[in-house]
């Protein structure tokens, strides 16, 4: 999937634009903590579940196949799935972006790396910020959008300055 860049529509003005958080220490922390987390998670899951799983496999498979299958599951698939989760988090740090215009809110890379979408300002009931998260409540759906951005407080402040504090309908 190609990375889609933001393009303004005719007559549209950008009011606020976040930048991806590409500081070296943020990326290093995400990678380092992810590796430590993967190691601890793999050790705990393997310690707790390997013997019962191997015993269950032994009931209908030869012992060597049961051992091989158990090791492949807990020392192969579990770390691989956890690694995919960490890689997705690092990718979000590289491409995550949220843009406020006078017509819409455009989001890429939040909450998932493959997320790309926009919300028209007419559809927004409320836009709030708490603990680095932007919460967008819409008229058209009961779901609340949650986007994690370090500049979330500034984003909401720009929204409130342009549209006034009471955008509640």
Protein backbone atom coordinates (compact mmCIF):
# COMPACT_ATOMS: atom_id res chain seq x y z
CA UNK A 1 0.00 0.00 0.00
CA UNK A 2 1.55 3.31 -1.01
CA UNK A 3 1.82 6.03 1.59
CA UNK A 4 -0.88 8.58 0.86
CA UNK A 5 0.03 12.20 1.40
CA UNK A 6 -2.46 14.83 2.45
CA UNK A 7 -3.84 16.99 -0.34
CA UNK A 8 -5.94 20.07 0.24
CA UNK A 9 -9.27 20.38 -1.47
CA UNK A 10 -10.18 23.54 -3.41
CA UNK A 11 -10.74 26.45 -1.02
CA UNK A 12 -9.49 24.50 2.00
CA UNK A 13 -7.03 25.94 4.54
CA UNK A 14 -4.84 23.99 6.95
CA UNK A 15 -5.38 25.19 10.54
CA UNK A 16 -3.15 22.71 12.39
CA UNK A 17 -0.84 19.91 11.32
CA UNK A 18 0.93 17.45 13.58
CA UNK A 19 4.24 16.01 12.58
CA UNK A 20 5.22 12.38 13.03
CA UNK A 21 7.19 11.78 16.24
CA UNK A 22 10.49 10.67 14.66
CA UNK A 23 12.85 11.61 17.46
CA UNK A 24 15.58 9.01 17.79
CA UNK A 25 14.91 8.35 21.48
CA UNK A 26 11.19 7.76 20.87
CA UNK A 27 11.94 5.20 18.16
CA UNK A 28 14.74 3.62 20.23
CA UNK A 29 12.39 3.36 23.22
CA UNK A 30 9.66 1.74 21.12
CA UNK A 31 12.08 -0.79 19.66
CA UNK A 32 13.95 -1.48 22.92
CA UNK A 33 10.86 -1.80 25.10
CA UNK A 34 9.25 -3.92 22.40
CA UNK A 35 12.18 -6.34 22.36
CA UNK A 36 12.19 -6.61 26.15
CA UNK A 37 8.42 -7.08 26.14
CA UNK A 38 8.63 -9.80 23.49
CA UNK A 39 11.29 -11.65 25.49
CA UNK A 40 9.34 -11.47 28.76
CA UNK A 41 6.04 -12.35 27.09
CA UNK A 42 7.56 -15.34 25.29
CA UNK A 43 9.21 -16.61 28.48
CA UNK A 44 6.04 -16.31 30.55
CA UNK A 45 3.76 -17.89 27.96
CA UNK A 46 6.22 -20.70 27.24
CA UNK A 47 6.71 -21.40 30.96
CA UNK A 48 2.98 -21.51 31.67
CA UNK A 49 1.60 -23.22 28.59
CA UNK A 50 4.31 -25.36 26.97
CA UNK A 51 3.97 -28.44 29.20
CA UNK A 52 0.14 -28.60 29.15
CA UNK A 53 0.11 -28.03 25.40
CA UNK A 54 2.74 -30.69 24.77
CA UNK A 55 0.83 -33.12 26.98
CA UNK A 56 -2.35 -32.43 25.01
CA UNK A 57 -0.51 -32.96 21.71
CA UNK A 58 1.04 -36.18 23.08
CA UNK A 59 -2.44 -37.65 23.42
CA UNK A 60 -2.80 -37.91 19.63
CA UNK A 61 0.68 -37.22 18.15
CA UNK A 62 4.08 -38.90 18.55
CA UNK A 63 6.23 -37.29 21.30
CA UNK A 64 8.78 -35.74 18.93
CA UNK A 65 6.04 -34.16 16.78
CA UNK A 66 4.25 -32.83 19.88
CA UNK A 67 7.49 -31.28 21.17
CA UNK A 68 8.32 -29.77 17.76
CA UNK A 69 4.81 -28.38 17.35
CA UNK A 70 4.79 -26.89 20.87
CA UNK A 71 8.17 -25.22 20.36
CA UNK A 72 7.13 -23.89 16.95
CA UNK A 73 3.96 -22.46 18.47
CA UNK A 74 5.42 -20.82 21.57
CA UNK A 75 8.96 -20.03 20.40
CA UNK A 76 7.99 -19.19 16.81
CA UNK A 77 4.46 -17.89 16.37
CA UNK A 78 4.10 -16.03 19.68
CA UNK A 79 7.32 -13.98 19.24
CA UNK A 80 6.47 -13.43 15.56
CA UNK A 81 3.02 -12.04 16.43
CA UNK A 82 4.50 -9.83 19.16
CA UNK A 83 7.19 -8.60 16.75
CA UNK A 84 4.52 -7.67 14.20
CA UNK A 85 2.77 -5.63 16.92
CA UNK A 86 6.00 -3.77 17.79
CA UNK A 87 6.81 -3.13 14.12
CA UNK A 88 3.31 -1.72 13.59
CA UNK A 89 3.81 0.61 16.57
CA UNK A 90 7.13 1.85 15.16
CA UNK A 91 5.57 2.39 11.73
CA UNK A 92 2.79 4.45 13.38
CA UNK A 93 5.49 6.65 14.93
CA UNK A 94 6.96 7.27 11.46
CA UNK A 95 3.79 7.94 9.48
CA UNK A 96 1.19 9.04 12.06
CA UNK A 97 -0.29 12.41 11.21
CA UNK A 98 -3.47 14.34 11.96
CA UNK A 99 -4.43 17.52 10.11
CA UNK A 100 -7.17 19.99 10.97
CA UNK A 101 -8.51 22.09 8.13
CA UNK A 102 -11.45 24.44 7.93
CA UNK A 103 -13.48 21.58 6.36
CA UNK A 104 -12.29 18.29 7.88
CA UNK A 105 -10.00 16.33 10.16
CA UNK A 106 -7.63 14.08 8.19
CA UNK A 107 -5.87 11.18 9.95
CA UNK A 108 -3.15 8.77 8.82
CA UNK A 109 -1.47 6.10 10.93
CA UNK A 110 -3.70 6.25 14.02
CA UNK A 111 -4.76 4.08 15.74
CA UNK A 112 -3.20 1.58 13.31
CA UNK A 113 -0.47 2.00 10.71
CA UNK A 114 -2.87 1.19 7.86
CA UNK A 115 -5.55 3.64 9.05
CA UNK A 116 -6.37 6.47 6.67
CA UNK A 117 -9.49 8.54 6.98
CA UNK A 118 -11.14 11.87 7.33
CA UNK A 119 -14.07 13.29 9.24
CA UNK A 120 -15.95 16.33 8.05
CA UNK A 121 -16.29 19.09 10.63
CA UNK A 122 -20.07 19.03 10.25
CA UNK A 123 -20.05 15.42 11.51
CA UNK A 124 -18.09 16.25 14.71
CA UNK A 125 -20.17 16.59 17.87
CA UNK A 126 -17.21 17.07 20.20
CA UNK A 127 -13.43 16.95 20.08
CA UNK A 128 -11.57 16.55 23.38
CA UNK A 129 -8.09 15.70 24.61
CA UNK A 130 -6.96 13.57 27.56
CA UNK A 131 -3.54 12.02 28.23
CA UNK A 132 -2.08 12.35 24.72
CA UNK A 133 -5.30 11.06 23.14
CA UNK A 134 -7.72 12.96 20.92
CA UNK A 135 -11.35 11.82 21.22
CA UNK A 136 -13.67 12.63 18.32
CA UNK A 137 -17.37 12.02 18.83
CA UNK A 138 -19.42 12.04 15.63
CA UNK A 139 -23.07 12.56 14.73
CA UNK A 140 -23.12 9.77 12.13
CA UNK A 141 -21.84 6.93 14.33
CA UNK A 142 -21.95 5.97 17.97
CA UNK A 143 -18.28 4.99 17.94
CA UNK A 144 -15.77 7.45 19.30
CA UNK A 145 -12.55 7.87 17.35
CA UNK A 146 -9.42 7.78 19.51
CA UNK A 147 -6.11 8.99 18.11
CA UNK A 148 -2.83 9.06 20.02
CA UNK A 149 -0.67 12.07 19.19
CA UNK A 150 1.85 13.89 21.37
CA UNK A 151 0.55 17.25 20.08
CA UNK A 152 -3.07 16.38 20.88
CA UNK A 153 -3.55 19.22 23.34
CA UNK A 154 -2.39 21.78 20.77
CA UNK A 155 -4.61 20.18 18.13
CA UNK A 156 -7.72 20.49 20.31
CA UNK A 157 -6.75 24.05 21.27
CA UNK A 158 -6.53 24.97 17.56
CA UNK A 159 -9.93 23.37 16.97
CA UNK A 160 -11.47 25.29 19.87
CA UNK A 161 -9.94 28.60 18.72
CA UNK A 162 -11.28 28.21 15.22
CA UNK A 163 -14.73 26.80 16.03
CA UNK A 164 -15.27 28.09 19.56
CA UNK A 165 -15.35 25.98 22.70
CA UNK A 166 -18.97 24.96 22.31
CA UNK A 167 -19.15 22.88 19.12
CA UNK A 168 -21.69 20.62 20.91
CA UNK A 169 -24.95 20.17 18.99
